[in-house]
Amino acid sequence: MAEHESRRLNESPFGSGRDRKGRMRGTKVSPNGGYSTVVETRALTATGCGAESEPRTPASKGAEGSGVSGSSRIYSVTRGHLVDIRDITVGEIVQGAGPDLRPVAGRVTSVEPAGTRSTYATRLSNGSILTCAPGHQFMTPVGWHETGDIRPGDVMAAPWVYIPPAGVSGRPRASVAQGRILGLLLGDGYLGQAADIDFVGASPELHISFSQSVLSAFPESTFRSIVRERGVVTTMVSGGTVRGGVGGTPAGGLLTWLRELELKTPRGEKSAGGSLSDTKFVPKSFLEASLPVIQELVGALWDTDGCIFRFTKSPEGRGATYKTISIQLAEDVRFLLLRLGVPTSISQLPYEARKGSRLAYQISVTDTVRFAEMLNGHLHHGGKAAEVALMAGLGKDMHSRARRLGSHLPVGIIQDLVRESGVSVRPVFEAAGLPRAMMSRAGMNHVGYGNQVRLALALDSPKLHRLTAVQWVKVVSQEAAAADELVFEIAVDGVHSIIVNGVAVRTLER
């Protein structure tokens, strides 16, 4: 992208939502010079929109137009996985945010091209990027705001969880053993050559787990192991007939299953092989699987390529990350974790390989309390399993950085909610046990999830309780994406927002 095409948010060309000093309209200047949203004049209504917001119809779009990029990803509850908005069909069920900001499902009534527009990519602190026209609206704590009204440090609503699929009851269901096999092979499996299926690693527990899971799902399988340098073992699977103790037939039912999942190429193709490390993915039948299957799959992924680490010397300070060089697998793992109610962030990590510079994708868990709760008992690697068990035992006693770390609510909004209730800020913040720095807008800019909950309890504020139903993800930057891109609008029956690329955006209302 040319340098002159790239704009940071504080250089946004869409100034219609700002006054001449660059402040968002509907804000006031605090005595210390900071800005705060005027909750009294932009009341939080039951729909999550500011009171001044009118339903957006085709006749009332912003001057620059609205719509999201056709490649934007929406969670289809009907299909059980993410789908490009241009591929969504009328009648599908998608996820949005309800009047209480909690997840709801609604039926799509229309998906329409909205014409070609200039588009801008808004980058969020959790690594997500949403590309849309300048007039499209995001959900903020004080209502809907167009892209042009967004600045770095502003926040957008994102769900804590993806709701269970609704349209998969008649499809073949994956088993728990298959979930573990898939996770181990996506992590440390070699699938790239002919009919070979190899599991490679140095952990004896994982080789035992792999063999037992394969035998459970495909009883005809046999195995042969080779010990390589540094104690690394390769476990090779065959279909049950070993010739001379050297080789065996292709891996029978396991091979057929992997071909059905499209992780191995169909039989007879010249380019026989399968997915390599940078092309691995989670098949759709596992994205829509039951939670026990997902728990076993994600546990196996963490057994192989996941990491449990400490960020403090105390046992309460633990975190979890997962790394892959497949961008599709990274998206799939984030989706599976959100199915489990585990929010994450994603970052790119450049590294040098034999063929030059490459990118790895690191997924960082932002709620390790929930992570441990959902995955305890589903890891088989000795050290990692013990760490997760310890984390699960600590539960809510874990370090504050381990609980819903990714939610950031502007402190000014909370202060205004406190004043709106007719009490002073200081006693409420003191009752919640929060530091004095939070009492001043010049001190701390955002309040994390744990402190949001403490303040909501201290204030007994339904409005603040409601705001904790979603995570508030900070805006990092905005850049020009395309000068002329086809964008799409979507309407959903009874739902005024949908989750697009992980954040809540406005639907078309009729």
Protein backbone atom coordinates (compact mmCIF):
# COMPACT_ATOMS: atom_id res chain seq x y z
CA MET A 1 0.00 0.00 0.00
CA ALA A 2 1.42 3.39 -0.95
CA GLU A 3 2.43 5.58 1.96
CA HIS A 4 0.08 8.38 0.95
CA GLU A 5 -2.85 5.94 0.98
CA SER A 6 -2.27 4.89 4.58
CA ARG A 7 -3.95 6.97 7.28
CA ARG A 8 -3.79 6.55 11.01
CA LEU A 9 -7.09 7.09 12.72
CA ASN A 10 -6.12 10.50 14.05
CA GLU A 11 -5.65 11.57 10.42
CA SER A 12 -8.98 10.15 9.27
CA PRO A 13 -10.54 12.06 6.36
CA PHE A 14 -14.05 11.47 7.68
CA GLY A 15 -14.51 14.41 9.98
CA SER A 16 -18.29 14.58 10.10
CA GLY A 17 -18.45 13.15 13.62
CA ARG A 18 -15.90 15.58 15.13
CA ASP A 19 -15.96 19.21 16.11
CA ARG A 20 -13.30 21.64 14.92
CA LYS A 21 -10.99 20.66 17.78
CA GLY A 22 -11.14 17.02 16.76
CA ARG A 23 -13.38 15.91 19.63
CA MET A 24 -16.16 13.40 19.01
CA ARG A 25 -19.49 15.18 19.05
CA GLY A 26 -21.41 14.41 22.20
CA THR A 27 -18.35 14.78 24.43
CA LYS A 28 -17.43 17.36 26.99
CA VAL A 29 -14.13 18.67 28.27
CA SER A 30 -13.38 17.59 31.81
CA PRO A 31 -11.73 20.02 34.25
CA ASN A 32 -8.36 18.36 33.77
CA GLY A 33 -8.54 18.76 30.00
CA GLY A 34 -9.46 15.18 29.12
CA TYR A 35 -12.55 14.06 27.24
CA SER A 36 -15.47 12.06 28.51
CA THR A 37 -18.59 10.83 26.84
CA VAL A 38 -21.74 12.59 27.98
CA VAL A 39 -23.82 9.62 29.02
CA GLU A 40 -26.64 11.95 30.06
CA THR A 41 -27.16 13.13 26.47
CA ARG A 42 -26.23 9.83 24.77
CA ALA A 43 -28.24 7.57 27.04
CA LEU A 44 -27.55 3.85 26.82
CA THR A 45 -30.78 2.42 25.51
CA ALA A 46 -32.01 -1.15 25.54
CA THR A 47 -30.68 -1.76 22.04
CA GLY A 48 -27.17 -0.64 22.88
CA CYS A 49 -27.45 2.42 20.65
CA GLY A 50 -27.18 6.02 21.69
CA ALA A 51 -30.54 7.69 22.10
CA GLU A 52 -29.74 10.01 19.23
CA SER A 53 -29.22 7.11 16.79
CA GLU A 54 -32.01 6.51 14.33
CA PRO A 55 -32.49 3.13 12.62
CA ARG A 56 -30.24 3.01 9.59
CA THR A 57 -32.20 2.31 6.42
CA PRO A 58 -31.12 2.39 2.77
CA ALA A 59 -32.37 5.98 2.57
CA SER A 60 -30.45 7.18 5.64
CA LYS A 61 -26.94 5.89 5.06
CA GLY A 62 -24.00 8.14 5.76
CA ALA A 63 -22.78 10.39 2.97
CA GLU A 64 -19.77 8.19 2.33
CA GLY A 65 -21.91 5.04 2.29
CA SER A 66 -21.88 1.90 4.38
CA GLY A 67 -21.22 -1.78 3.89
CA VAL A 68 -18.52 -4.30 4.76
CA SER A 69 -16.00 -6.04 2.53
CA GLY A 70 -17.27 -9.20 0.87
CA SER A 71 -14.47 -11.22 2.47
CA SER A 72 -15.55 -10.21 5.99
CA ARG A 73 -16.25 -13.29 8.11
CA ILE A 74 -19.59 -13.91 9.83
CA TYR A 75 -20.41 -16.76 12.18
CA SER A 76 -23.16 -18.81 10.55
CA VAL A 77 -24.93 -20.61 13.38
CA THR A 78 -26.63 -22.72 10.71
CA ARG A 79 -23.38 -24.02 9.24
CA GLY A 80 -21.40 -23.99 12.46
CA HIS A 81 -18.41 -22.05 11.15
CA LEU A 82 -17.29 -18.68 9.75
CA VAL A 83 -18.51 -17.71 6.28
CA ASP A 84 -17.67 -14.78 3.98
CA ILE A 85 -20.56 -12.30 4.06
CA ARG A 86 -20.90 -12.53 0.26
CA ASP A 87 -21.59 -16.27 0.64
CA ILE A 88 -24.26 -15.92 3.35
CA THR A 89 -27.75 -16.84 2.11
CA VAL A 90 -31.19 -15.65 3.11
CA GLY A 91 -32.62 -17.87 5.84
CA GLU A 92 -29.31 -18.64 7.54
CA ILE A 93 -29.02 -17.99 11.26
CA VAL A 94 -26.19 -15.72 12.37
CA GLN A 95 -24.97 -14.41 15.73
CA GLY A 96 -25.49 -10.89 16.97
CA ALA A 97 -25.77 -8.99 20.25
CA GLY A 98 -29.15 -8.62 21.93
CA PRO A 99 -30.61 -5.69 23.91
CA ASP A 100 -28.66 -6.87 26.97
CA LEU A 101 -25.52 -7.22 24.79
CA ARG A 102 -25.51 -10.99 25.28
CA PRO A 103 -25.26 -13.31 22.25
CA VAL A 104 -28.44 -13.84 20.25
CA ALA A 105 -29.23 -15.61 16.99
CA GLY A 106 -31.27 -14.16 14.16
CA ARG A 107 -32.39 -15.22 10.70
CA VAL A 108 -30.93 -13.38 7.70
CA THR A 109 -33.64 -11.66 5.65
CA SER A 110 -31.41 -10.10 2.99
CA VAL A 111 -27.80 -9.89 1.85
CA GLU A 112 -27.25 -7.18 -0.73
CA PRO A 113 -24.31 -5.65 -2.57
CA ALA A 114 -24.27 -2.01 -1.50
CA GLY A 115 -22.16 -0.80 -4.41
CA THR A 116 -18.48 -0.01 -4.69
CA ARG A 117 -16.96 2.22 -2.03
CA SER A 118 -13.61 3.30 -0.75
CA THR A 119 -12.89 1.06 2.23
CA TYR A 120 -10.77 1.35 5.33
CA ALA A 121 -9.27 -1.37 7.50
CA THR A 122 -9.73 -0.85 11.24
CA ARG A 123 -7.18 -2.78 13.28
CA LEU A 124 -8.03 -3.80 16.85
CA SER A 125 -5.89 -4.62 19.86
CA ASN A 126 -6.79 -8.32 19.65
CA GLY A 127 -5.34 -8.51 16.13
CA SER A 128 -8.67 -8.55 14.31
CA ILE A 129 -9.16 -6.31 11.28
CA LEU A 130 -12.50 -5.16 9.89
CA THR A 131 -12.65 -3.66 6.41
CA CYS A 132 -15.69 -1.54 5.63
CA ALA A 133 -16.96 1.62 3.99
CA PRO A 134 -16.52 4.88 5.93
CA GLY A 135 -20.20 5.16 6.83
CA HIS A 136 -20.58 1.73 8.41
CA GLN A 137 -21.32 1.66 12.12
CA PHE A 138 -19.68 -0.14 15.04
CA MET A 139 -21.10 -0.78 18.50
CA THR A 140 -19.43 1.32 21.20
CA PRO A 141 -20.29 1.68 24.91
CA VAL A 142 -22.34 4.81 24.13
CA GLY A 143 -24.04 3.75 20.93
CA TRP A 144 -23.35 3.31 17.25
CA HIS A 145 -20.53 5.29 15.64
CA GLU A 146 -19.43 5.39 12.02
CA THR A 147 -15.93 4.41 11.02
CA GLY A 148 -15.04 8.07 10.57
CA ASP A 149 -15.87 8.78 14.21
CA ILE A 150 -13.44 6.18 15.54
CA ARG A 151 -10.03 7.09 16.97
CA PRO A 152 -7.17 5.08 18.53
CA GLY A 153 -8.12 4.16 22.07
CA ASP A 154 -11.85 3.99 21.31
CA VAL A 155 -13.39 0.58 21.93
CA MET A 156 -15.75 -1.75 20.06
CA ALA A 157 -17.92 -4.58 21.33
CA ALA A 158 -16.85 -8.20 20.78
CA PRO A 159 -18.52 -11.40 22.05
CA TRP A 160 -17.18 -13.54 24.87
CA VAL A 161 -18.42 -16.73 23.21
CA TYR A 162 -19.84 -18.18 19.98
CA ILE A 163 -23.20 -19.83 20.57
CA PRO A 164 -23.67 -23.53 19.66
CA PRO A 165 -24.50 -24.37 16.02
CA ALA A 166 -28.20 -24.82 15.27
CA GLY A 167 -28.35 -26.61 11.93
CA VAL A 168 -25.98 -29.57 12.22
CA SER A 169 -28.14 -32.20 13.94
CA GLY A 170 -28.53 -34.38 10.84
CA ARG A 171 -24.85 -34.44 9.88
CA PRO A 172 -22.29 -37.11 10.84
CA ARG A 173 -20.79 -36.28 14.22
CA ALA A 174 -17.10 -36.46 15.06
CA SER A 175 -16.00 -38.54 18.05
CA VAL A 176 -13.80 -37.47 20.95
CA ALA A 177 -11.08 -39.89 19.79
CA GLN A 178 -11.19 -38.36 16.31
CA GLY A 179 -10.85 -34.91 17.85
CA ARG A 180 -7.66 -35.96 19.63
CA ILE A 181 -6.23 -37.63 16.52
CA LEU A 182 -6.91 -34.53 14.45
CA GLY A 183 -5.35 -32.19 17.01
CA LEU A 184 -2.19 -34.27 17.30
CA LEU A 185 -1.78 -34.59 13.52
CA LEU A 186 -2.40 -30.87 12.95
CA GLY A 187 0.27 -30.15 15.53
CA ASP A 188 3.04 -32.71 15.06
CA GLY A 189 1.76 -34.89 12.24
CA TYR A 190 3.36 -35.30 8.83
CA LEU A 191 0.74 -35.67 6.09
CA GLY A 192 2.53 -34.29 3.06
CA GLN A 193 3.77 -37.41 1.25
CA ALA A 194 1.71 -40.05 -0.57
CA ALA A 195 -0.29 -42.19 1.86
CA ASP A 196 2.08 -41.67 4.80
CA ILE A 197 0.64 -40.71 8.18
CA ASP A 198 3.35 -40.04 10.74
CA PHE A 199 3.25 -38.54 14.21
CA VAL A 200 6.56 -37.01 15.30
CA GLY A 201 7.64 -35.87 18.75
CA ALA A 202 9.73 -36.51 21.84
CA SER A 203 6.93 -36.90 24.40
CA PRO A 204 6.18 -40.57 25.22
CA GLU A 205 2.77 -39.58 26.62
CA LEU A 206 1.71 -38.11 23.30
CA HIS A 207 2.79 -41.17 21.29
CA ILE A 208 0.77 -43.37 23.65
CA SER A 209 -2.19 -40.99 23.39
CA PHE A 210 -1.94 -40.98 19.58
CA SER A 211 -1.79 -44.78 19.29
CA GLN A 212 -4.65 -45.33 21.73
CA SER A 213 -6.86 -42.76 20.01
CA VAL A 214 -6.18 -44.22 16.55
CA LEU A 215 -6.97 -47.74 17.77
CA SER A 216 -10.17 -46.49 19.38
CA ALA A 217 -11.41 -44.92 16.14
CA PHE A 218 -9.72 -47.24 13.61
CA PRO A 219 -9.14 -50.65 15.28
CA GLU A 220 -7.49 -52.23 12.23
CA SER A 221 -4.49 -49.88 12.46
CA THR A 222 -0.96 -51.01 13.30
CA PHE A 223 2.08 -48.92 14.21
CA ARG A 224 5.81 -48.83 13.72
CA SER A 225 8.12 -46.46 15.59
CA ILE A 226 11.56 -45.14 14.71
CA VAL A 227 13.78 -43.35 17.23
CA ARG A 228 15.68 -40.47 15.66
CA GLU A 229 18.21 -37.94 16.91
CA ARG A 230 17.73 -36.23 20.28
CA GLY A 231 15.10 -38.73 21.36
CA VAL A 232 12.56 -37.70 18.72
CA VAL A 233 10.27 -40.59 17.81
CA THR A 234 8.27 -41.09 14.60
CA THR A 235 5.16 -43.24 14.95
CA MET A 236 3.97 -44.47 11.54
CA VAL A 237 0.47 -45.81 10.99
CA SER A 238 -0.38 -48.62 8.59
CA GLY A 239 -3.58 -50.39 7.71
CA GLY A 240 -2.95 -53.60 9.60
CA THR A 241 -0.80 -55.78 7.33
CA VAL A 242 2.92 -55.56 7.99
CA ARG A 243 5.23 -57.01 5.34
CA GLY A 244 8.47 -58.47 6.68
CA GLY A 245 8.40 -56.21 9.69
CA VAL A 246 9.57 -53.32 7.52
CA GLY A 247 6.58 -51.60 6.03
CA GLY A 248 2.85 -51.88 5.89
CA THR A 249 -0.16 -51.13 3.79
CA PRO A 250 -1.50 -47.59 3.68
CA ALA A 251 -3.17 -46.53 6.90
CA GLY A 252 -6.57 -48.04 6.13
CA GLY A 253 -9.53 -46.33 7.75
CA LEU A 254 -7.41 -43.48 9.10
CA LEU A 255 -6.19 -42.62 5.60
CA THR A 256 -9.71 -42.81 4.18
CA TRP A 257 -10.95 -40.53 6.95
CA LEU A 258 -8.21 -37.95 6.35
CA ARG A 259 -9.05 -37.99 2.64
CA GLU A 260 -12.69 -37.33 3.47
CA LEU A 261 -11.56 -34.38 5.58
CA GLU A 262 -9.44 -33.16 2.62
CA LEU A 263 -6.28 -33.24 4.72
CA LYS A 264 -4.96 -35.94 2.36
CA THR A 265 -5.39 -35.83 -1.42
CA PRO A 266 -7.88 -38.27 -2.99
CA ARG A 267 -6.65 -41.66 -4.07
CA GLY A 268 -5.22 -41.81 -7.58
CA GLU A 269 -4.28 -38.15 -7.92
CA LYS A 270 -0.82 -37.51 -9.34
CA SER A 271 0.04 -35.00 -6.63
CA ALA A 272 -0.55 -37.53 -3.87
CA GLY A 273 0.14 -36.17 -0.42
CA GLY A 274 -1.67 -33.86 1.92
CA SER A 275 -1.59 -30.68 3.96
CA LEU A 276 1.78 -29.23 4.91
CA SER A 277 2.54 -27.14 7.97
CA ASP A 278 1.55 -23.87 6.29
CA THR A 279 -1.65 -25.23 4.72
CA LYS A 280 -3.15 -27.16 7.62
CA PHE A 281 -6.68 -26.33 8.73
CA VAL A 282 -9.51 -27.61 10.91
CA PRO A 283 -12.16 -29.34 8.76
CA LYS A 284 -15.65 -27.85 8.94
CA SER A 285 -17.11 -30.95 10.59
CA PHE A 286 -14.90 -30.22 13.61
CA LEU A 287 -15.62 -26.49 13.70
CA GLU A 288 -19.28 -27.42 14.24
CA ALA A 289 -18.51 -30.31 16.62
CA SER A 290 -19.80 -30.74 20.16
CA LEU A 291 -17.89 -29.10 23.01
CA PRO A 292 -16.31 -32.38 24.30
CA VAL A 293 -14.83 -33.00 20.84
CA ILE A 294 -13.57 -29.42 20.61
CA GLN A 295 -12.04 -29.67 24.08
CA GLU A 296 -10.12 -32.80 23.08
CA LEU A 297 -9.03 -31.28 19.75
CA VAL A 298 -7.81 -28.03 21.31
CA GLY A 299 -6.16 -29.95 24.14
CA ALA A 300 -4.20 -31.98 21.57
CA LEU A 301 -3.22 -28.81 19.71
CA TRP A 302 -1.83 -27.39 22.96
CA ASP A 303 -0.09 -30.70 23.71
CA THR A 304 1.92 -30.22 20.53
CA ASP A 305 2.33 -26.56 19.54
CA GLY A 306 0.89 -24.80 22.57
CA CYS A 307 2.77 -23.15 25.42
CA ILE A 308 1.94 -22.58 29.10
CA PHE A 309 4.17 -19.90 30.62
CA ARG A 310 4.59 -17.84 33.77
CA PHE A 311 4.60 -14.05 33.73
CA THR A 312 5.14 -13.70 37.50
CA LYS A 313 7.09 -15.76 40.01
CA SER A 314 3.92 -16.59 41.90
CA PRO A 315 1.91 -19.66 40.80
CA GLU A 316 -1.09 -17.44 40.05
CA GLY A 317 0.62 -15.74 37.09
CA ARG A 318 0.27 -18.05 34.10
CA GLY A 319 -0.58 -17.54 30.45
CA ALA A 320 -1.17 -19.67 27.35
CA THR A 321 -0.20 -19.22 23.70
CA TYR A 322 -0.42 -21.27 20.51
CA LYS A 323 1.76 -20.81 17.44
CA THR A 324 1.36 -21.96 13.82
CA ILE A 325 2.60 -20.94 10.38
CA SER A 326 -0.80 -21.65 8.81
CA ILE A 327 -2.99 -18.54 8.78
CA GLN A 328 -6.09 -20.69 8.20
CA LEU A 329 -5.28 -22.92 11.17
CA ALA A 330 -4.77 -19.80 13.29
CA GLU A 331 -8.26 -18.54 12.38
CA ASP A 332 -9.74 -21.97 13.06
CA VAL A 333 -8.09 -22.29 16.48
CA ARG A 334 -9.35 -18.83 17.50
CA PHE A 335 -12.84 -19.85 16.40
CA LEU A 336 -12.72 -23.11 18.38
CA LEU A 337 -11.52 -21.29 21.48
CA LEU A 338 -14.38 -18.80 21.23
CA ARG A 339 -16.77 -21.75 20.90
CA LEU A 340 -15.40 -22.70 24.33
CA GLY A 341 -15.85 -19.14 25.59
CA VAL A 342 -12.11 -18.43 25.56
CA PRO A 343 -11.27 -15.02 24.02
CA THR A 344 -7.89 -14.53 22.35
CA SER A 345 -5.70 -12.09 20.49
CA ILE A 346 -3.53 -12.86 17.47
CA SER A 347 -0.18 -11.43 16.38
CA GLN A 348 2.25 -12.00 13.53
CA LEU A 349 5.80 -13.11 14.31
CA PRO A 350 8.34 -12.89 11.46
CA TYR A 351 11.10 -15.47 11.43
CA GLU A 352 13.86 -16.66 9.13
CA ALA A 353 13.47 -20.04 7.42
CA ARG A 354 15.57 -21.89 4.85
CA LYS A 355 13.45 -20.42 2.07
CA GLY A 356 13.63 -16.87 3.42
CA SER A 357 11.54 -14.73 5.76
CA ARG A 358 8.19 -16.14 6.83
CA LEU A 359 5.39 -15.33 9.25
CA ALA A 360 4.15 -17.31 12.20
CA TYR A 361 0.84 -16.56 13.89
CA GLN A 362 0.67 -16.54 17.66
CA ILE A 363 -2.66 -16.84 19.46
CA SER A 364 -2.59 -15.49 23.00
CA VAL A 365 -5.31 -16.50 25.43
CA THR A 366 -6.76 -13.46 27.21
CA ASP A 367 -8.79 -15.45 29.75
CA THR A 368 -6.61 -18.23 31.11
CA VAL A 369 -9.10 -18.87 33.93
CA ARG A 370 -11.71 -19.95 31.39
CA PHE A 371 -9.02 -21.70 29.31
CA ALA A 372 -7.98 -23.85 32.27
CA GLU A 373 -11.59 -24.52 33.24
CA MET A 374 -12.44 -25.81 29.75
CA LEU A 375 -9.22 -27.75 29.01
CA ASN A 376 -8.33 -29.28 32.37
CA GLY A 377 -8.17 -33.04 31.80
CA HIS A 378 -7.87 -32.70 28.01
CA LEU A 379 -4.07 -32.35 27.76
CA HIS A 380 -1.88 -35.46 27.87
CA HIS A 381 1.59 -33.89 27.79
CA GLY A 382 2.81 -34.40 31.36
CA GLY A 383 4.20 -30.95 32.07
CA LYS A 384 1.48 -28.98 30.30
CA ALA A 385 -1.32 -31.10 31.76
CA ALA A 386 0.02 -30.44 35.26
CA GLU A 387 0.23 -26.70 34.61
CA VAL A 388 -3.36 -26.54 33.34
CA ALA A 389 -4.57 -28.59 36.31
CA LEU A 390 -2.84 -26.15 38.66
CA MET A 391 -4.39 -23.21 36.81
CA ALA A 392 -7.84 -24.80 37.05
CA GLY A 393 -7.34 -25.37 40.78
CA LEU A 394 -6.45 -21.73 41.34
CA GLY A 395 -9.49 -20.61 39.35
CA LYS A 396 -10.50 -17.04 40.09
CA ASP A 397 -7.57 -16.69 42.51
CA MET A 398 -5.27 -16.43 39.50
CA HIS A 399 -3.53 -13.15 38.71
CA SER A 400 -5.81 -10.38 37.42
CA ARG A 401 -3.97 -10.54 34.08
CA ALA A 402 -5.32 -14.07 33.67
CA ARG A 403 -9.01 -13.09 33.62
CA ARG A 404 -10.60 -11.55 30.51
CA LEU A 405 -7.53 -9.46 29.87
CA GLY A 406 -8.70 -8.16 26.50
CA SER A 407 -11.61 -6.00 27.69
CA HIS A 408 -10.92 -2.27 28.08
CA LEU A 409 -13.75 0.08 29.07
CA PRO A 410 -12.89 3.82 29.01
CA VAL A 411 -12.69 5.11 32.56
CA GLY A 412 -14.59 8.28 31.61
CA ILE A 413 -17.68 6.26 30.73
CA ILE A 414 -17.63 4.56 34.13
CA GLN A 415 -17.11 7.86 35.93
CA ASP A 416 -20.09 9.38 34.13
CA LEU A 417 -22.25 6.36 35.01
CA VAL A 418 -21.26 6.83 38.65
CA ARG A 419 -22.19 10.51 38.58
CA GLU A 420 -25.42 9.71 36.74
CA SER A 421 -26.44 7.57 39.73
CA GLY A 422 -26.11 10.61 42.00
CA VAL A 423 -23.02 9.58 43.98
CA SER A 424 -19.41 10.70 43.99
CA VAL A 425 -16.70 8.83 42.11
CA ARG A 426 -14.25 8.54 45.00
CA PRO A 427 -16.31 6.45 47.48
CA VAL A 428 -17.48 4.07 44.75
CA PHE A 429 -13.95 3.48 43.47
CA GLU A 430 -12.67 3.08 47.04
CA ALA A 431 -15.46 0.59 47.85
CA ALA A 432 -14.38 -1.43 44.80
CA GLY A 433 -10.79 -1.40 46.07
CA LEU A 434 -9.46 0.41 43.01
CA PRO A 435 -6.36 2.64 42.96
CA ARG A 436 -6.65 6.39 43.24
CA ALA A 437 -5.21 6.79 39.73
CA MET A 438 -8.49 5.51 38.28
CA MET A 439 -10.44 8.31 39.94
CA SER A 440 -8.95 10.86 37.55
CA ARG A 441 -9.18 10.82 33.77
CA ALA A 442 -5.58 11.94 33.73
CA GLY A 443 -4.59 8.77 35.57
CA MET A 444 -5.71 5.58 33.80
CA ASN A 445 -7.50 5.59 30.44
CA HIS A 446 -9.22 2.19 30.55
CA VAL A 447 -10.65 -0.19 33.14
CA GLY A 448 -10.20 -3.95 32.76
CA TYR A 449 -12.93 -6.56 33.07
CA GLY A 450 -12.28 -7.48 36.70
CA ASN A 451 -12.47 -3.86 37.81
CA GLN A 452 -15.57 -3.32 35.66
CA VAL A 453 -17.30 -6.08 37.62
CA ARG A 454 -16.12 -4.72 40.98
CA LEU A 455 -17.41 -1.25 40.13
CA ALA A 456 -20.73 -2.60 38.87
CA LEU A 457 -21.21 -4.43 42.18
CA ALA A 458 -20.12 -1.44 44.27
CA LEU A 459 -22.42 0.89 42.33
CA ASP A 460 -25.21 -1.67 41.88
CA SER A 461 -25.53 -0.33 38.34
CA PRO A 462 -27.58 -2.33 35.80
CA LYS A 463 -26.06 -0.25 32.99
CA LEU A 464 -22.52 -1.11 34.01
CA HIS A 465 -23.43 -4.77 34.57
CA ARG A 466 -24.82 -4.76 31.03
CA LEU A 467 -21.56 -3.42 29.61
CA THR A 468 -19.66 -6.40 31.06
CA ALA A 469 -21.67 -8.78 28.84
CA VAL A 470 -19.24 -8.12 25.96
CA GLN A 471 -15.54 -7.48 25.75
CA TRP A 472 -14.49 -3.98 24.72
CA VAL A 473 -11.59 -4.19 22.28
CA LYS A 474 -9.42 -1.14 21.66
CA VAL A 475 -8.91 0.40 18.23
CA VAL A 476 -5.24 0.57 17.26
CA SER A 477 -5.24 2.17 13.81
CA GLN A 478 -7.05 2.61 10.53
CA GLU A 479 -5.64 2.47 7.02
CA ALA A 480 -6.98 2.87 3.51
CA ALA A 481 -7.77 -0.60 2.17
CA ALA A 482 -9.18 -0.10 -1.33
CA ALA A 483 -10.23 2.85 -3.46
CA ASP A 484 -13.08 0.97 -5.10
CA GLU A 485 -14.37 -2.22 -3.44
CA LEU A 486 -17.72 -3.98 -3.61
CA VAL A 487 -19.27 -3.96 -0.14
CA PHE A 488 -22.28 -5.75 1.29
CA GLU A 489 -25.18 -5.00 3.64
CA ILE A 490 -27.03 -7.63 5.65
CA ALA A 491 -30.42 -7.52 7.39
CA VAL A 492 -31.34 -9.90 10.22
CA ASP A 493 -34.83 -10.42 11.57
CA GLY A 494 -35.16 -8.87 15.03
CA VAL A 495 -31.40 -8.36 15.50
CA HIS A 496 -29.77 -4.97 15.03
CA SER A 497 -26.16 -6.12 15.12
CA ILE A 498 -24.11 -9.04 13.86
CA ILE A 499 -20.62 -10.26 14.67
CA VAL A 500 -18.32 -9.53 11.71
CA ASN A 501 -14.62 -10.39 11.99
CA GLY A 502 -15.16 -10.72 15.71
CA VAL A 503 -16.84 -7.36 16.47
CA ALA A 504 -20.44 -6.13 16.59
CA VAL A 505 -21.50 -4.03 13.59
CA ARG A 506 -24.86 -2.55 12.60
CA THR A 507 -27.27 -4.46 10.41
CA LEU A 508 -29.47 -2.95 7.75
CA GLU A 509 -32.91 -2.18 9.19
CA ARG A 510 -36.04 -2.09 7.07
